[in-house]
Amino acid sequence: MSISSSQHALTASPKGALRELRHAAASLAKVTDALAATPRAQLRQAMRESTSSSLLEEITQAQARYAQLHQIAFGETRALLKETAAAGSTVATLREQANQGLRKLVKEGVLTNRSAFQKERAITRQALSKAQQERRLFHVEVDGERYFPSFFLDSSYDRTKLEAVSKALGDLPGATKLHFFLQKRASLAGSTPLEAIAGGNYQKVLNAAEALRIG
């Protein structure tokens, strides 16, 4: 689809355009999962011979644009977006703003780096990778390093239920999944999904997750 036709599709049917975007994200996830299974030396050589750095930049920019759309749609930082747009803010600036929020979560212990997560959960790197491929676990990247939500390590939550909710969110980006778990939702009587799960409202959380995935 050309840029002009994509713009027309978005104007005519935002839901249709978002479905197309979701399918593209799902395809990207499958490709990256397949690459992750490639022997390290072979993968390193292929990335050296390709334009992997520019590809990474394009993917990062696309993620930043989607985050911006999410913010506009739900009005969480509409005023901030207007101010930054007026000041000629770049995608890099928006990405840095998002990273600042994630760095804060790291300092607060909400996010745990991969090695510490593996050690505390007592799983191998291969098992962690498989759990991500099955969408039972997810990560976010902070300054180029992978971090996992610490609530997956918290014994006060039913781990099986947390993983089922993560899986119900499908191929949504890790940052979107994290936002889902941590933010209060009207459909859960003003509770966060984590609070609702702890309070015995797992099914409502699962329904909310599926609704978000479907859009």
C-alpha atoms as a PDB file:
ATOM      1  CA  MET A   1       0.000   0.000   0.000  1.00  0.00           C
ATOM      2  CA  SER A   2       1.352   3.431  -0.933  1.00  0.00           C
ATOM      3  CA  ILE A   3       1.691   6.309   1.533  1.00  0.00           C
ATOM      4  CA  SER A   4      -1.167   8.206  -0.104  1.00  0.00           C
ATOM      5  CA  SER A   5      -3.470   5.183  -0.059  1.00  0.00           C
ATOM      6  CA  SER A   6      -2.530   4.464   3.569  1.00  0.00           C
ATOM      7  CA  GLN A   7      -3.389   8.035   4.510  1.00  0.00           C
ATOM      8  CA  HIS A   8      -6.716   7.707   2.709  1.00  0.00           C
ATOM      9  CA  ALA A   9      -7.445   4.407   4.491  1.00  0.00           C
ATOM     10  CA  LEU A  10      -6.683   5.971   7.854  1.00  0.00           C
ATOM     11  CA  THR A  11      -8.994   8.896   7.163  1.00  0.00           C
ATOM     12  CA  ALA A  12     -11.764   6.639   5.884  1.00  0.00           C
ATOM     13  CA  SER A  13     -11.425   3.862   8.460  1.00  0.00           C
ATOM     14  CA  PRO A  14      -9.135   4.290  11.478  1.00  0.00           C
ATOM     15  CA  LYS A  15     -10.085   0.795  12.719  1.00  0.00           C
ATOM     16  CA  GLY A  16      -9.086  -0.739   9.396  1.00  0.00           C
ATOM     17  CA  ALA A  17      -5.779   1.110   9.418  1.00  0.00           C
ATOM     18  CA  LEU A  18      -5.080  -0.005  12.992  1.00  0.00           C
ATOM     19  CA  ARG A  19      -5.876  -3.608  12.061  1.00  0.00           C
ATOM     20  CA  GLU A  20      -3.343  -3.361   9.248  1.00  0.00           C
ATOM     21  CA  LEU A  21      -0.814  -1.901  11.684  1.00  0.00           C
ATOM     22  CA  ARG A  22      -1.469  -4.746  14.143  1.00  0.00           C
ATOM     23  CA  HIS A  23      -0.941  -7.341  11.412  1.00  0.00           C
ATOM     24  CA  ALA A  24       2.330  -5.665  10.456  1.00  0.00           C
ATOM     25  CA  ALA A  25       3.447  -5.711  14.109  1.00  0.00           C
ATOM     26  CA  ALA A  26       2.543  -9.393  14.403  1.00  0.00           C
ATOM     27  CA  SER A  27       4.569 -10.173  11.272  1.00  0.00           C
ATOM     28  CA  LEU A  28       7.516  -8.225  12.671  1.00  0.00           C
ATOM     29  CA  ALA A  29       7.300 -10.173  15.938  1.00  0.00           C
ATOM     30  CA  LYS A  30       7.398 -13.492  14.067  1.00  0.00           C
ATOM     31  CA  VAL A  31      10.389 -12.399  12.000  1.00  0.00           C
ATOM     32  CA  THR A  32      12.345 -11.187  15.039  1.00  0.00           C
ATOM     33  CA  ASP A  33      11.528 -14.401  16.919  1.00  0.00           C
ATOM     34  CA  ALA A  34      12.872 -16.389  13.993  1.00  0.00           C
ATOM     35  CA  LEU A  35      16.035 -14.269  13.902  1.00  0.00           C
ATOM     36  CA  ALA A  36      16.461 -14.707  17.661  1.00  0.00           C
ATOM     37  CA  ALA A  37      16.716 -18.464  17.084  1.00  0.00           C
ATOM     38  CA  THR A  38      19.560 -17.983  14.588  1.00  0.00           C
ATOM     39  CA  PRO A  39      23.056 -18.937  15.826  1.00  0.00           C
ATOM     40  CA  ARG A  40      24.726 -15.855  17.268  1.00  0.00           C
ATOM     41  CA  ALA A  41      27.718 -15.794  14.918  1.00  0.00           C
ATOM     42  CA  GLN A  42      25.495 -16.166  11.867  1.00  0.00           C
ATOM     43  CA  LEU A  43      23.124 -13.451  13.084  1.00  0.00           C
ATOM     44  CA  ARG A  44      26.000 -11.083  13.877  1.00  0.00           C
ATOM     45  CA  GLN A  45      27.490 -11.540  10.410  1.00  0.00           C
ATOM     46  CA  ALA A  46      24.131 -10.989   8.698  1.00  0.00           C
ATOM     47  CA  MET A  47      23.498  -7.794  10.671  1.00  0.00           C
ATOM     48  CA  ARG A  48      26.966  -6.478   9.866  1.00  0.00           C
ATOM     49  CA  GLU A  49      26.329  -7.017   6.169  1.00  0.00           C
ATOM     50  CA  SER A  50      22.903  -5.404   6.269  1.00  0.00           C
ATOM     51  CA  THR A  51      21.582  -1.944   7.124  1.00  0.00           C
ATOM     52  CA  SER A  52      20.564  -3.144  10.581  1.00  0.00           C
ATOM     53  CA  SER A  53      21.345   0.186  12.256  1.00  0.00           C
ATOM     54  CA  SER A  54      19.045   2.148   9.949  1.00  0.00           C
ATOM     55  CA  LEU A  55      16.385  -0.544  10.282  1.00  0.00           C
ATOM     56  CA  LEU A  56      16.566  -0.268  14.067  1.00  0.00           C
ATOM     57  CA  GLU A  57      16.156   3.495  13.809  1.00  0.00           C
ATOM     58  CA  GLU A  58      13.110   3.112  11.554  1.00  0.00           C
ATOM     59  CA  ILE A  59      11.507   0.614  13.940  1.00  0.00           C
ATOM     60  CA  THR A  60      12.258   2.856  16.923  1.00  0.00           C
ATOM     61  CA  GLN A  61      10.742   5.849  15.154  1.00  0.00           C
ATOM     62  CA  ALA A  62       7.641   3.834  14.251  1.00  0.00           C
ATOM     63  CA  GLN A  63       7.254   2.791  17.896  1.00  0.00           C
ATOM     64  CA  ALA A  64       7.595   6.417  18.998  1.00  0.00           C
ATOM     65  CA  ARG A  65       4.941   7.488  16.478  1.00  0.00           C
ATOM     66  CA  TYR A  66       2.548   4.813  17.735  1.00  0.00           C
ATOM     67  CA  ALA A  67       3.153   5.899  21.336  1.00  0.00           C
ATOM     68  CA  GLN A  68       2.348   9.441  20.256  1.00  0.00           C
ATOM     69  CA  LEU A  69      -0.904   8.275  18.636  1.00  0.00           C
ATOM     70  CA  HIS A  70      -1.824   6.425  21.825  1.00  0.00           C
ATOM     71  CA  GLN A  71      -1.221   9.538  23.893  1.00  0.00           C
ATOM     72  CA  ILE A  72      -3.305  11.691  21.535  1.00  0.00           C
ATOM     73  CA  ALA A  73      -6.172   9.195  21.448  1.00  0.00           C
ATOM     74  CA  PHE A  74      -6.461   8.793  25.201  1.00  0.00           C
ATOM     75  CA  GLY A  75      -5.638  12.377  26.108  1.00  0.00           C
ATOM     76  CA  GLU A  76      -3.034  11.498  28.717  1.00  0.00           C
ATOM     77  CA  THR A  77      -0.476  14.072  27.555  1.00  0.00           C
ATOM     78  CA  ARG A  78      -2.327  16.010  24.867  1.00  0.00           C
ATOM     79  CA  ALA A  79      -1.229  19.369  26.265  1.00  0.00           C
ATOM     80  CA  LEU A  80       2.396  18.241  26.410  1.00  0.00           C
ATOM     81  CA  LEU A  81       2.271  17.019  22.819  1.00  0.00           C
ATOM     82  CA  LYS A  82       0.920  20.367  21.651  1.00  0.00           C
ATOM     83  CA  GLU A  83       3.722  22.192  23.451  1.00  0.00           C
ATOM     84  CA  THR A  84       6.454  19.950  22.105  1.00  0.00           C
ATOM     85  CA  ALA A  85       5.033  20.098  18.588  1.00  0.00           C
ATOM     86  CA  ALA A  86       4.998  23.897  18.750  1.00  0.00           C
ATOM     87  CA  ALA A  87       8.617  23.857  19.864  1.00  0.00           C
ATOM     88  CA  GLY A  88       9.571  21.587  16.970  1.00  0.00           C
ATOM     89  CA  SER A  89      10.201  18.531  19.149  1.00  0.00           C
ATOM     90  CA  THR A  90      11.789  15.601  17.304  1.00  0.00           C
ATOM     91  CA  VAL A  91      11.098  11.889  17.518  1.00  0.00           C
ATOM     92  CA  ALA A  92      14.340  11.566  19.468  1.00  0.00           C
ATOM     93  CA  THR A  93      13.009  13.989  22.074  1.00  0.00           C
ATOM     94  CA  LEU A  94       9.756  12.050  22.401  1.00  0.00           C
ATOM     95  CA  ARG A  95      11.720   8.834  22.779  1.00  0.00           C
ATOM     96  CA  GLU A  96      13.850  10.415  25.492  1.00  0.00           C
ATOM     97  CA  GLN A  97      10.729  11.539  27.362  1.00  0.00           C
ATOM     98  CA  ALA A  98       9.425   7.973  27.268  1.00  0.00           C
ATOM     99  CA  ASN A  99      12.799   6.653  28.428  1.00  0.00           C
ATOM    100  CA  GLN A 100      12.804   9.033  31.380  1.00  0.00           C
ATOM    101  CA  GLY A 101       9.545   7.503  32.572  1.00  0.00           C
ATOM    102  CA  LEU A 102      10.958   3.995  32.151  1.00  0.00           C
ATOM    103  CA  ARG A 103      14.183   4.924  33.970  1.00  0.00           C
ATOM    104  CA  LYS A 104      12.053   6.078  36.879  1.00  0.00           C
ATOM    105  CA  LEU A 105      10.316   2.690  36.949  1.00  0.00           C
ATOM    106  CA  VAL A 106      13.733   1.011  37.002  1.00  0.00           C
ATOM    107  CA  LYS A 107      14.805   3.119  39.996  1.00  0.00           C
ATOM    108  CA  GLU A 108      11.534   2.341  41.763  1.00  0.00           C
ATOM    109  CA  GLY A 109      12.056  -1.376  41.237  1.00  0.00           C
ATOM    110  CA  VAL A 110       9.028  -1.777  38.984  1.00  0.00           C
ATOM    111  CA  LEU A 111      11.337  -3.060  36.248  1.00  0.00           C
ATOM    112  CA  THR A 112      14.150  -5.600  36.680  1.00  0.00           C
ATOM    113  CA  ASN A 113      17.031  -6.194  34.299  1.00  0.00           C
ATOM    114  CA  ARG A 114      17.217  -9.504  32.483  1.00  0.00           C
ATOM    115  CA  SER A 115      20.026 -11.142  34.465  1.00  0.00           C
ATOM    116  CA  ALA A 116      18.446 -10.310  37.826  1.00  0.00           C
ATOM    117  CA  PHE A 117      15.038 -11.412  36.550  1.00  0.00           C
ATOM    118  CA  GLN A 118      16.419 -14.761  35.377  1.00  0.00           C
ATOM    119  CA  LYS A 119      18.251 -15.308  38.658  1.00  0.00           C
ATOM    120  CA  GLU A 120      15.275 -14.500  40.894  1.00  0.00           C
ATOM    121  CA  ARG A 121      12.866 -16.485  38.762  1.00  0.00           C
ATOM    122  CA  ALA A 122      15.392 -19.332  38.469  1.00  0.00           C
ATOM    123  CA  ILE A 123      14.969 -19.857  34.727  1.00  0.00           C
ATOM    124  CA  THR A 124      17.395 -20.172  31.853  1.00  0.00           C
ATOM    125  CA  ARG A 125      17.788 -17.687  29.055  1.00  0.00           C
ATOM    126  CA  GLN A 126      16.209 -20.210  26.698  1.00  0.00           C
ATOM    127  CA  ALA A 127      13.172 -20.632  28.961  1.00  0.00           C
ATOM    128  CA  LEU A 128      12.808 -16.866  29.218  1.00  0.00           C
ATOM    129  CA  SER A 129      12.973 -16.536  25.444  1.00  0.00           C
ATOM    130  CA  LYS A 130      10.322 -19.238  25.021  1.00  0.00           C
ATOM    131  CA  ALA A 131       8.012 -17.520  27.508  1.00  0.00           C
ATOM    132  CA  GLN A 132       8.308 -14.315  25.483  1.00  0.00           C
ATOM    133  CA  GLN A 133       7.654 -16.116  22.216  1.00  0.00           C
ATOM    134  CA  GLU A 134       4.494 -17.525  23.777  1.00  0.00           C
ATOM    135  CA  ARG A 135       3.589 -13.978  24.937  1.00  0.00           C
ATOM    136  CA  ARG A 136       3.467 -15.124  28.590  1.00  0.00           C
ATOM    137  CA  LEU A 137       6.212 -12.652  29.491  1.00  0.00           C
ATOM    138  CA  PHE A 138       7.303  -9.378  27.923  1.00  0.00           C
ATOM    139  CA  HIS A 139      10.035  -6.809  28.292  1.00  0.00           C
ATOM    140  CA  VAL A 140      10.663  -3.137  27.600  1.00  0.00           C
ATOM    141  CA  GLU A 141      13.948  -1.617  26.518  1.00  0.00           C
ATOM    142  CA  VAL A 142      15.577   1.099  28.591  1.00  0.00           C
ATOM    143  CA  ASP A 143      18.761   2.620  27.209  1.00  0.00           C
ATOM    144  CA  GLY A 144      19.346  -0.441  25.049  1.00  0.00           C
ATOM    145  CA  GLU A 145      18.894  -2.981  27.853  1.00  0.00           C
ATOM    146  CA  ARG A 146      15.970  -5.328  28.382  1.00  0.00           C
ATOM    147  CA  TYR A 147      13.926  -4.985  31.563  1.00  0.00           C
ATOM    148  CA  PHE A 148      11.089  -7.165  32.777  1.00  0.00           C
ATOM    149  CA  PRO A 149       8.172  -6.192  35.032  1.00  0.00           C
ATOM    150  CA  SER A 150       8.973  -7.058  38.638  1.00  0.00           C
ATOM    151  CA  PHE A 151       5.367  -8.018  39.316  1.00  0.00           C
ATOM    152  CA  PHE A 152       6.095 -11.290  37.502  1.00  0.00           C
ATOM    153  CA  LEU A 153       8.380 -12.049  40.468  1.00  0.00           C
ATOM    154  CA  ASP A 154       5.947 -10.958  43.170  1.00  0.00           C
ATOM    155  CA  SER A 155       4.548 -13.936  45.093  1.00  0.00           C
ATOM    156  CA  SER A 156       1.487 -11.927  46.092  1.00  0.00           C
ATOM    157  CA  TYR A 157       0.188 -12.345  42.541  1.00  0.00           C
ATOM    158  CA  ASP A 158      -0.866 -15.569  40.855  1.00  0.00           C
ATOM    159  CA  ARG A 159       1.886 -15.974  38.257  1.00  0.00           C
ATOM    160  CA  THR A 160      -0.282 -18.155  36.023  1.00  0.00           C
ATOM    161  CA  LYS A 161      -2.958 -15.463  35.855  1.00  0.00           C
ATOM    162  CA  LEU A 162      -0.434 -12.704  35.132  1.00  0.00           C
ATOM    163  CA  GLU A 163       1.003 -14.734  32.267  1.00  0.00           C
ATOM    164  CA  ALA A 164      -2.472 -15.479  30.908  1.00  0.00           C
ATOM    165  CA  VAL A 165      -3.274 -11.759  30.845  1.00  0.00           C
ATOM    166  CA  SER A 166       0.044 -11.018  29.123  1.00  0.00           C
ATOM    167  CA  LYS A 167      -0.794 -13.662  26.533  1.00  0.00           C
ATOM    168  CA  ALA A 168      -4.283 -12.206  26.066  1.00  0.00           C
ATOM    169  CA  LEU A 169      -2.647  -8.882  25.156  1.00  0.00           C
ATOM    170  CA  GLY A 170      -1.108 -10.680  22.188  1.00  0.00           C
ATOM    171  CA  ASP A 171       1.501  -8.894  20.110  1.00  0.00           C
ATOM    172  CA  LEU A 172       0.997  -5.456  21.599  1.00  0.00           C
ATOM    173  CA  PRO A 173       4.297  -3.672  22.365  1.00  0.00           C
ATOM    174  CA  GLY A 174       5.877  -4.299  25.751  1.00  0.00           C
ATOM    175  CA  ALA A 175       5.413  -0.666  26.769  1.00  0.00           C
ATOM    176  CA  THR A 176       1.694  -0.885  25.993  1.00  0.00           C
ATOM    177  CA  LYS A 177       1.372  -4.073  28.037  1.00  0.00           C
ATOM    178  CA  LEU A 178       3.207  -2.486  30.952  1.00  0.00           C
ATOM    179  CA  HIS A 179       0.922   0.534  30.789  1.00  0.00           C
ATOM    180  CA  PHE A 180      -2.095  -1.772  30.841  1.00  0.00           C
ATOM    181  CA  PHE A 181      -0.994  -3.559  34.012  1.00  0.00           C
ATOM    182  CA  LEU A 182      -0.074  -0.395  35.916  1.00  0.00           C
ATOM    183  CA  GLN A 183      -2.825   2.081  35.014  1.00  0.00           C
ATOM    184  CA  LYS A 184      -6.207   2.378  36.733  1.00  0.00           C
ATOM    185  CA  ARG A 185      -9.111   1.465  34.475  1.00  0.00           C
ATOM    186  CA  ALA A 186     -12.762   2.458  34.629  1.00  0.00           C
ATOM    187  CA  SER A 187     -13.802  -1.045  33.552  1.00  0.00           C
ATOM    188  CA  LEU A 188     -12.154  -2.343  36.735  1.00  0.00           C
ATOM    189  CA  ALA A 189     -13.892   0.129  39.044  1.00  0.00           C
ATOM    190  CA  GLY A 190     -10.889   2.419  39.094  1.00  0.00           C
ATOM    191  CA  SER A 191      -8.403  -0.320  40.003  1.00  0.00           C
ATOM    192  CA  THR A 192      -5.275  -1.284  38.131  1.00  0.00           C
ATOM    193  CA  PRO A 193      -5.293  -4.759  36.564  1.00  0.00           C
ATOM    194  CA  LEU A 194      -2.735  -5.840  39.163  1.00  0.00           C
ATOM    195  CA  GLU A 195      -5.000  -4.672  41.985  1.00  0.00           C
ATOM    196  CA  ALA A 196      -7.999  -6.324  40.346  1.00  0.00           C
ATOM    197  CA  ILE A 197      -6.192  -9.652  39.999  1.00  0.00           C
ATOM    198  CA  ALA A 198      -5.111  -9.512  43.644  1.00  0.00           C
ATOM    199  CA  GLY A 199      -8.711  -8.681  44.580  1.00  0.00           C
ATOM    200  CA  GLY A 200     -10.154 -11.708  42.815  1.00  0.00           C
ATOM    201  CA  ASN A 201     -11.365 -10.028  39.615  1.00  0.00           C
ATOM    202  CA  TYR A 202      -9.101 -11.941  37.263  1.00  0.00           C
ATOM    203  CA  GLN A 203     -11.792 -12.607  34.648  1.00  0.00           C
ATOM    204  CA  LYS A 204     -12.591  -8.904  34.325  1.00  0.00           C
ATOM    205  CA  VAL A 205      -8.899  -8.180  33.787  1.00  0.00           C
ATOM    206  CA  LEU A 206      -8.668 -10.914  31.173  1.00  0.00           C
ATOM    207  CA  ASN A 207     -11.707  -9.463  29.373  1.00  0.00           C
ATOM    208  CA  ALA A 208     -10.161  -5.978  29.456  1.00  0.00           C
ATOM    209  CA  ALA A 209      -6.905  -7.320  28.041  1.00  0.00           C
ATOM    210  CA  GLU A 210      -8.660  -9.059  25.184  1.00  0.00           C
ATOM    211  CA  ALA A 211     -10.697  -5.931  24.456  1.00  0.00           C
ATOM    212  CA  LEU A 212      -7.514  -3.857  24.261  1.00  0.00           C
ATOM    213  CA  ARG A 213      -5.875  -6.366  21.929  1.00  0.00           C
ATOM    214  CA  ILE A 214      -8.877  -6.480  19.612  1.00  0.00           C
ATOM    215  CA  GLY A 215      -9.209  -2.704  19.709  1.00  0.00           C
END
